[in-house]
Amino acid sequence: MTETSAAETGHETDLTPVRPPASELLIVTGMSGAGRSTAANALEDHGWYVVENLPPQLLGTLSDLVRHSPDRIPKLAVVMDVRGKALFADIRDALAQLTSSGTEYRLLFLDASDDVLIRRFEQGRRPHPLQEGGRISDGIAEERTLLRELKDHATIVLDTSDFNVHGLATAITELFSEKGPVTVRLNVMSFGFKYGLPADANFVADVRFLPNPHWVPQLRPHTGLDPDVRDYVLVANGAQEFVERYVNALEPVLAGYRRENKHYATIAIGCTGGKHRSVAIAEEISKRLAQQPRVTVTTAHRDLGRE
C-alpha cells in the first residue's frame, strides 16, 4: 500500500489532482479484478455517496452538484472502469476540467499482480472485459496500457494482491474513514413475542423469565421507560446478572465484526407484549453497550404503545 503525491511522480500535467484537507470527491479506478466493488461497498459503509460506472463526460456535472450542495452530499466517490472503453478514453479531459475549475479531488488506483488478477477471474468464471476473443492475460495487458497514465498520476495506488475481501475493506477504512477504526453500529430493539419476532434481528434474547409488571396493578398502565417499572424489572432476581453476562458475551462478537468489517447488527430483546420487561432491559443493555469502544448504539421499542 503506497500513497503517492503528484510531486513525487515527477510529472507536470493538467491531470495532477489536488489533495483536499477533507475528502470531498474521490475517483476510484484501477485494474479489473483489483477490488473496485469491494472498495465501493466499504466507502458506502463510511458515509460516502458512491456512483459506479459513471461516464467521464458526467463527472464535471456531478462534482458541481457536490460542490454546490455540500450538506446533502458531503463525500462523493465515483467508480470508473474500462467496460466502456471508448468512454474511458475521455477521462483525461474530464479530470483536466475538474482541475481547471478548481475542484479538489483524490484519485485512488487499485492494482494487483497479473497472476492474482488471472486467478480472481478464473475463480469467478468470468472473462476480462477487454479480452474479447483472446486470453484473460491479453485483456489485462491491454488494460494496463490503457490505464498507465492514470496510475502515474494517482494520489493513492493500493496494491490488493495480498488482500482478501475483508483485508481490502479494512485498508479502505483506514484510508478514508474520518472516524478511524471500524465502528460497529448496534440497534437494540425491544419487542413482544405475541407480535412476532423482528425480521431483521441478528440476536434475540428472551426476558420472559423476569417477573411481569403487567400483574402489578399500579405498574400495568406504565412502560419500561417509567422509573418505577424500570426499577421493578432491574431489581428482580437474575436481571442484573443477565444484563452483565449478555453484554460480556457480545464482546467477542463485536471484535469479530470489526475484523470482518461488519458494521451493523440488531439485538432484539423480547417479552410477552413488548411493553415492560423488554423495554427496561433493552434500555439497560443499550447503556452498557454504549460504553464499549468503537460501538455506537441506537435504541428502538417496536411494540411500545400497542394494546
Protein backbone atom coordinates (compact mmCIF):
# COMPACT_ATOMS: atom_id res chain seq x y z
CA MET A 1 0.00 0.00 0.00
CA THR A 2 1.55 3.29 -1.08
CA GLU A 3 0.44 6.87 -1.19
CA THR A 4 1.99 9.00 -3.90
CA SER A 5 1.71 12.74 -4.29
CA ALA A 6 1.89 14.47 -7.66
CA ALA A 7 5.26 15.96 -6.76
CA GLU A 8 6.70 12.52 -6.10
CA THR A 9 5.72 11.22 -9.53
CA GLY A 10 7.89 13.82 -11.25
CA HIS A 11 5.14 14.57 -13.80
CA GLU A 12 3.75 18.02 -14.51
CA THR A 13 0.37 17.78 -16.18
CA ASP A 14 -3.08 19.22 -16.01
CA LEU A 15 -4.26 15.86 -14.66
CA THR A 16 -2.47 16.36 -11.35
CA PRO A 17 -5.09 16.20 -8.59
CA VAL A 18 -5.05 18.38 -5.51
CA ARG A 19 -5.39 16.53 -2.23
CA PRO A 20 -8.07 18.22 -0.15
CA PRO A 21 -7.76 18.68 3.60
CA ALA A 22 -11.03 16.76 3.96
CA SER A 23 -12.00 14.37 1.20
CA GLU A 24 -14.99 15.60 -0.82
CA LEU A 25 -14.50 13.95 -4.20
CA LEU A 26 -12.79 10.61 -4.65
CA ILE A 27 -12.33 8.95 -8.03
CA VAL A 28 -11.83 5.20 -7.79
CA THR A 29 -10.38 3.33 -10.72
CA GLY A 30 -7.81 0.63 -11.43
CA MET A 31 -7.44 -2.83 -12.84
CA SER A 32 -10.48 -5.03 -13.31
CA GLY A 33 -10.45 -7.65 -10.58
CA ALA A 34 -8.44 -5.46 -8.20
CA GLY A 35 -11.43 -4.83 -5.92
CA ARG A 36 -13.34 -1.75 -7.06
CA SER A 37 -16.71 -3.15 -5.93
CA THR A 38 -15.35 -4.09 -2.51
CA ALA A 39 -13.83 -0.63 -2.15
CA ALA A 40 -17.14 0.97 -3.15
CA ASN A 41 -19.03 -1.04 -0.53
CA ALA A 42 -16.52 -0.10 2.17
CA LEU A 43 -16.79 3.58 1.26
CA GLU A 44 -20.58 3.41 1.48
CA ASP A 45 -20.25 1.93 4.96
CA HIS A 46 -18.39 5.07 5.99
CA GLY A 47 -20.87 7.59 4.68
CA TRP A 48 -19.66 8.14 1.14
CA TYR A 49 -22.19 8.60 -1.64
CA VAL A 50 -20.92 6.16 -4.28
CA VAL A 51 -21.65 6.31 -8.00
CA GLU A 52 -20.40 3.38 -10.08
CA ASN A 53 -19.67 3.20 -13.83
CA LEU A 54 -20.17 6.92 -14.40
CA PRO A 55 -19.36 8.09 -17.97
CA PRO A 56 -16.44 10.56 -17.77
CA GLN A 57 -18.50 13.25 -19.52
CA LEU A 58 -20.79 13.44 -16.47
CA LEU A 59 -18.02 13.76 -13.90
CA GLY A 60 -17.95 17.56 -14.02
CA THR A 61 -21.71 17.84 -13.64
CA LEU A 62 -21.75 15.51 -10.67
CA SER A 63 -18.84 17.26 -8.97
CA ASP A 64 -20.63 20.60 -9.39
CA LEU A 65 -23.63 19.11 -7.59
CA VAL A 66 -21.45 18.12 -4.65
CA ARG A 67 -19.65 21.46 -4.59
CA HIS A 68 -22.92 23.42 -4.51
CA SER A 69 -24.68 21.08 -2.07
CA PRO A 70 -22.01 20.03 0.44
CA ASP A 71 -24.55 19.41 3.17
CA ARG A 72 -26.53 16.97 1.04
CA ILE A 73 -23.59 15.03 -0.42
CA PRO A 74 -20.50 15.84 1.66
CA LYS A 75 -18.45 12.92 0.34
CA LEU A 76 -18.74 11.59 -3.21
CA ALA A 77 -16.87 8.59 -4.59
CA VAL A 78 -17.04 7.94 -8.34
CA VAL A 79 -16.03 4.47 -9.55
CA MET A 80 -14.86 4.30 -13.16
CA ASP A 81 -13.73 1.27 -15.15
CA VAL A 82 -12.98 0.19 -18.71
CA ARG A 83 -16.22 -1.58 -19.58
CA GLY A 84 -16.98 1.42 -21.76
CA LYS A 85 -13.61 1.57 -23.49
CA ALA A 86 -14.45 4.46 -25.80
CA LEU A 87 -15.92 6.50 -22.96
CA PHE A 88 -12.96 5.83 -20.71
CA ALA A 89 -10.66 7.49 -23.25
CA ASP A 90 -12.32 10.78 -22.26
CA ILE A 91 -11.21 10.54 -18.62
CA ARG A 92 -8.18 12.75 -19.25
CA ASP A 93 -10.36 15.62 -20.45
CA ALA A 94 -12.80 15.10 -17.56
CA LEU A 95 -10.02 15.29 -14.96
CA ALA A 96 -8.44 18.27 -16.66
CA GLN A 97 -11.82 20.02 -16.48
CA LEU A 98 -12.00 19.33 -12.74
CA THR A 99 -8.54 20.80 -12.23
CA SER A 100 -9.23 23.89 -14.32
CA SER A 101 -12.46 24.54 -12.39
CA GLY A 102 -10.59 24.36 -9.08
CA THR A 103 -12.36 21.20 -7.96
CA GLU A 104 -10.32 19.32 -5.38
CA TYR A 105 -10.25 15.53 -5.67
CA ARG A 106 -8.26 12.43 -4.93
CA LEU A 107 -7.63 9.59 -7.34
CA LEU A 108 -7.45 6.06 -5.91
CA PHE A 109 -5.95 3.44 -8.23
CA LEU A 110 -6.44 -0.22 -7.29
CA ASP A 111 -3.89 -2.65 -8.69
CA ALA A 112 -2.80 -6.27 -8.29
CA SER A 113 -0.28 -8.58 -9.89
CA ASP A 114 -1.17 -10.28 -13.16
CA ASP A 115 -1.10 -13.73 -11.52
CA VAL A 116 -3.55 -12.63 -8.83
CA LEU A 117 -5.88 -10.95 -11.35
CA ILE A 118 -5.90 -14.06 -13.56
CA ARG A 119 -6.69 -16.26 -10.56
CA ARG A 120 -9.55 -14.00 -9.47
CA PHE A 121 -11.11 -14.05 -12.94
CA GLU A 122 -10.73 -17.82 -13.15
CA GLN A 123 -12.28 -18.31 -9.71
CA GLY A 124 -15.17 -16.05 -10.67
CA ARG A 125 -15.56 -17.87 -14.01
CA ARG A 126 -15.94 -14.66 -15.92
CA PRO A 127 -13.98 -13.10 -18.79
CA HIS A 128 -11.89 -9.97 -18.58
CA PRO A 129 -13.87 -7.05 -20.08
CA LEU A 130 -11.13 -6.38 -22.65
CA GLN A 131 -10.04 -9.90 -23.60
CA GLU A 132 -12.61 -10.20 -26.39
CA GLY A 133 -11.66 -13.45 -28.16
CA GLY A 134 -8.26 -13.75 -26.51
CA ARG A 135 -7.00 -14.89 -23.15
CA ILE A 136 -7.52 -13.25 -19.77
CA SER A 137 -3.86 -12.20 -19.81
CA ASP A 138 -4.44 -10.38 -23.11
CA GLY A 139 -7.21 -8.32 -21.59
CA ILE A 140 -5.07 -7.50 -18.55
CA ALA A 141 -2.19 -6.36 -20.75
CA GLU A 142 -4.44 -4.08 -22.79
CA GLU A 143 -5.99 -2.64 -19.66
CA ARG A 144 -2.58 -1.88 -18.13
CA THR A 145 -1.64 0.06 -21.25
CA LEU A 146 -4.91 1.96 -21.19
CA LEU A 147 -4.61 2.87 -17.51
CA ARG A 148 -0.88 3.60 -17.30
CA GLU A 149 -1.26 7.38 -17.32
CA LEU A 150 -3.99 7.32 -14.68
CA LYS A 151 -1.87 5.17 -12.40
CA ASP A 152 1.09 7.53 -12.83
CA HIS A 153 -0.99 10.46 -11.62
CA ALA A 154 -2.97 8.70 -8.88
CA THR A 155 -2.95 10.22 -5.43
CA ILE A 156 -3.06 6.74 -3.90
CA VAL A 157 -2.01 3.46 -5.50
CA LEU A 158 -3.24 0.47 -3.50
CA ASP A 159 -1.90 -2.98 -4.35
CA THR A 160 -4.56 -5.53 -3.38
CA SER A 161 -2.59 -8.65 -4.33
CA ASP A 162 -2.31 -9.86 -0.74
CA PHE A 163 -5.82 -8.82 0.34
CA ASN A 164 -8.96 -10.86 0.64
CA VAL A 165 -12.30 -9.05 0.65
CA HIS A 166 -12.10 -8.24 4.36
CA GLY A 167 -8.48 -7.09 4.16
CA LEU A 168 -9.28 -4.67 1.36
CA ALA A 169 -12.29 -3.30 3.22
CA THR A 170 -10.06 -2.71 6.25
CA ALA A 171 -7.47 -0.89 4.12
CA ILE A 172 -10.16 1.36 2.63
CA THR A 173 -11.47 2.05 6.14
CA GLU A 174 -8.01 3.09 7.32
CA LEU A 175 -7.52 5.37 4.32
CA PHE A 176 -10.90 7.05 4.02
CA SER A 177 -12.84 6.78 7.26
CA GLU A 178 -12.73 10.02 9.22
CA LYS A 179 -13.79 8.06 12.28
CA GLY A 180 -10.71 5.84 12.22
CA PRO A 181 -11.03 2.14 13.12
CA VAL A 182 -14.18 0.22 12.29
CA THR A 183 -17.18 1.22 14.37
CA VAL A 184 -19.98 -1.28 14.86
CA ARG A 185 -23.44 0.26 14.88
CA LEU A 186 -25.92 -1.60 17.05
CA ASN A 187 -29.68 -1.24 17.16
CA VAL A 188 -31.08 -2.61 20.41
CA MET A 189 -34.80 -3.27 19.92
CA SER A 190 -37.45 -4.34 22.40
CA PHE A 191 -40.41 -6.34 21.09
CA GLY A 192 -43.34 -8.50 22.15
CA PHE A 193 -43.27 -12.19 21.28
CA LYS A 194 -47.01 -12.18 20.76
CA TYR A 195 -46.49 -9.82 17.81
CA GLY A 196 -43.79 -11.97 16.22
CA LEU A 197 -40.01 -11.92 16.01
CA PRO A 198 -38.33 -8.90 14.35
CA ALA A 199 -37.41 -9.96 10.83
CA ASP A 200 -34.07 -8.14 10.86
CA ALA A 201 -32.81 -9.35 14.25
CA ASN A 202 -29.27 -10.74 14.33
CA PHE A 203 -29.54 -11.72 18.01
CA VAL A 204 -32.65 -12.46 20.08
CA ALA A 205 -32.89 -12.60 23.87
CA ASP A 206 -35.95 -13.69 25.85
CA VAL A 207 -36.54 -11.89 29.17
CA ARG A 208 -39.85 -13.53 29.99
CA PHE A 209 -38.07 -15.28 32.88
CA LEU A 210 -38.35 -12.00 34.84
CA PRO A 211 -41.44 -11.07 36.92
CA ASN A 212 -44.03 -9.34 34.76
CA PRO A 213 -45.06 -5.80 35.85
CA HIS A 214 -48.31 -6.38 34.00
CA TRP A 215 -49.56 -8.25 37.07
CA VAL A 216 -48.81 -5.31 39.40
CA PRO A 217 -51.87 -3.02 39.17
CA GLN A 218 -50.01 0.24 39.81
CA LEU A 219 -47.36 -0.63 37.18
CA ARG A 220 -49.57 -2.10 34.47
CA PRO A 221 -50.50 1.25 32.79
CA HIS A 222 -46.85 2.33 32.58
CA THR A 223 -43.95 1.15 30.42
CA GLY A 224 -40.38 0.07 30.87
CA LEU A 225 -39.35 3.69 30.33
CA ASP A 226 -41.05 4.66 33.58
CA PRO A 227 -38.63 4.71 36.56
CA ASP A 228 -40.93 2.62 38.75
CA VAL A 229 -41.26 -0.11 36.12
CA ARG A 230 -37.57 0.04 35.28
CA ASP A 231 -36.58 -0.37 38.92
CA TYR A 232 -39.06 -3.22 39.40
CA VAL A 233 -37.57 -5.10 36.45
CA LEU A 234 -33.91 -4.42 37.17
CA VAL A 235 -34.00 -5.38 40.86
CA ALA A 236 -35.68 -8.71 40.07
CA ASN A 237 -33.64 -11.81 40.81
CA GLY A 238 -31.32 -12.53 37.89
CA ALA A 239 -31.93 -9.30 35.96
CA GLN A 240 -28.58 -7.61 36.57
CA GLU A 241 -26.70 -10.87 36.15
CA PHE A 242 -28.42 -11.44 32.81
CA VAL A 243 -27.59 -7.96 31.53
CA GLU A 244 -23.96 -8.18 32.60
CA ARG A 245 -23.39 -11.64 31.14
CA TYR A 246 -25.21 -10.84 27.91
CA VAL A 247 -23.13 -7.72 27.29
CA ASN A 248 -19.94 -9.62 28.12
CA ALA A 249 -20.94 -12.40 25.72
CA LEU A 250 -21.26 -9.83 22.93
CA GLU A 251 -17.68 -8.56 23.34
CA PRO A 252 -16.02 -11.29 21.20
CA VAL A 253 -18.84 -10.95 18.68
CA LEU A 254 -18.19 -7.23 18.27
CA ALA A 255 -14.45 -7.86 17.97
CA GLY A 256 -15.17 -10.39 15.22
CA TYR A 257 -17.48 -7.96 13.46
CA ARG A 258 -14.66 -5.41 13.34
CA ARG A 259 -12.20 -7.97 11.98
CA GLU A 260 -14.66 -9.00 9.26
CA ASN A 261 -15.70 -5.40 8.53
CA LYS A 262 -19.30 -5.99 9.53
CA HIS A 263 -20.76 -2.69 10.62
CA TYR A 264 -24.39 -3.29 11.63
CA ALA A 265 -26.33 -5.59 13.95
CA THR A 266 -29.78 -5.61 15.52
CA ILE A 267 -30.16 -7.05 19.01
CA ALA A 268 -33.78 -7.88 19.84
CA ILE A 269 -34.93 -8.19 23.45
CA GLY A 270 -38.36 -9.76 23.85
CA CYS A 271 -41.02 -10.16 26.49
CA THR A 272 -44.68 -11.07 26.13
CA GLY A 273 -46.11 -7.75 24.95
CA GLY A 274 -43.05 -5.57 24.44
CA LYS A 275 -44.18 -3.01 26.97
CA HIS A 276 -42.44 -3.57 30.31
CA ARG A 277 -39.60 -6.06 30.77
CA SER A 278 -38.10 -5.96 27.28
CA VAL A 279 -38.17 -2.17 27.23
CA ALA A 280 -36.39 -1.80 30.57
CA ILE A 281 -33.78 -4.46 29.74
CA ALA A 282 -33.17 -3.07 26.23
CA GLU A 283 -32.53 0.36 27.71
CA GLU A 284 -30.07 -1.08 30.24
CA ILE A 285 -28.25 -3.18 27.64
CA SER A 286 -28.01 -0.16 25.34
CA LYS A 287 -26.46 1.88 28.13
CA ARG A 288 -23.87 -0.83 28.82
CA LEU A 289 -23.03 -1.40 25.15
CA ALA A 290 -22.56 2.32 24.56
CA GLN A 291 -19.62 2.17 26.96
CA GLN A 292 -17.80 -0.30 24.69
CA PRO A 293 -15.01 1.10 22.47
CA ARG A 294 -15.85 1.71 18.81
CA VAL A 295 -19.55 1.00 19.26
CA THR A 296 -22.48 3.28 18.53
CA VAL A 297 -25.90 2.33 19.83
CA THR A 298 -29.46 3.28 18.98
CA THR A 299 -32.48 2.01 20.87
CA ALA A 300 -35.95 1.30 19.49
CA HIS A 301 -39.11 -0.14 21.05
CA ARG A 302 -41.07 -1.80 18.30
CA ASP A 303 -44.27 -2.64 20.13
CA LEU A 304 -44.45 0.14 22.67
CA GLY A 305 -47.92 1.66 22.54
CA ARG A 306 -49.64 -1.40 21.11
CA GLU A 307 -52.57 -2.81 23.04
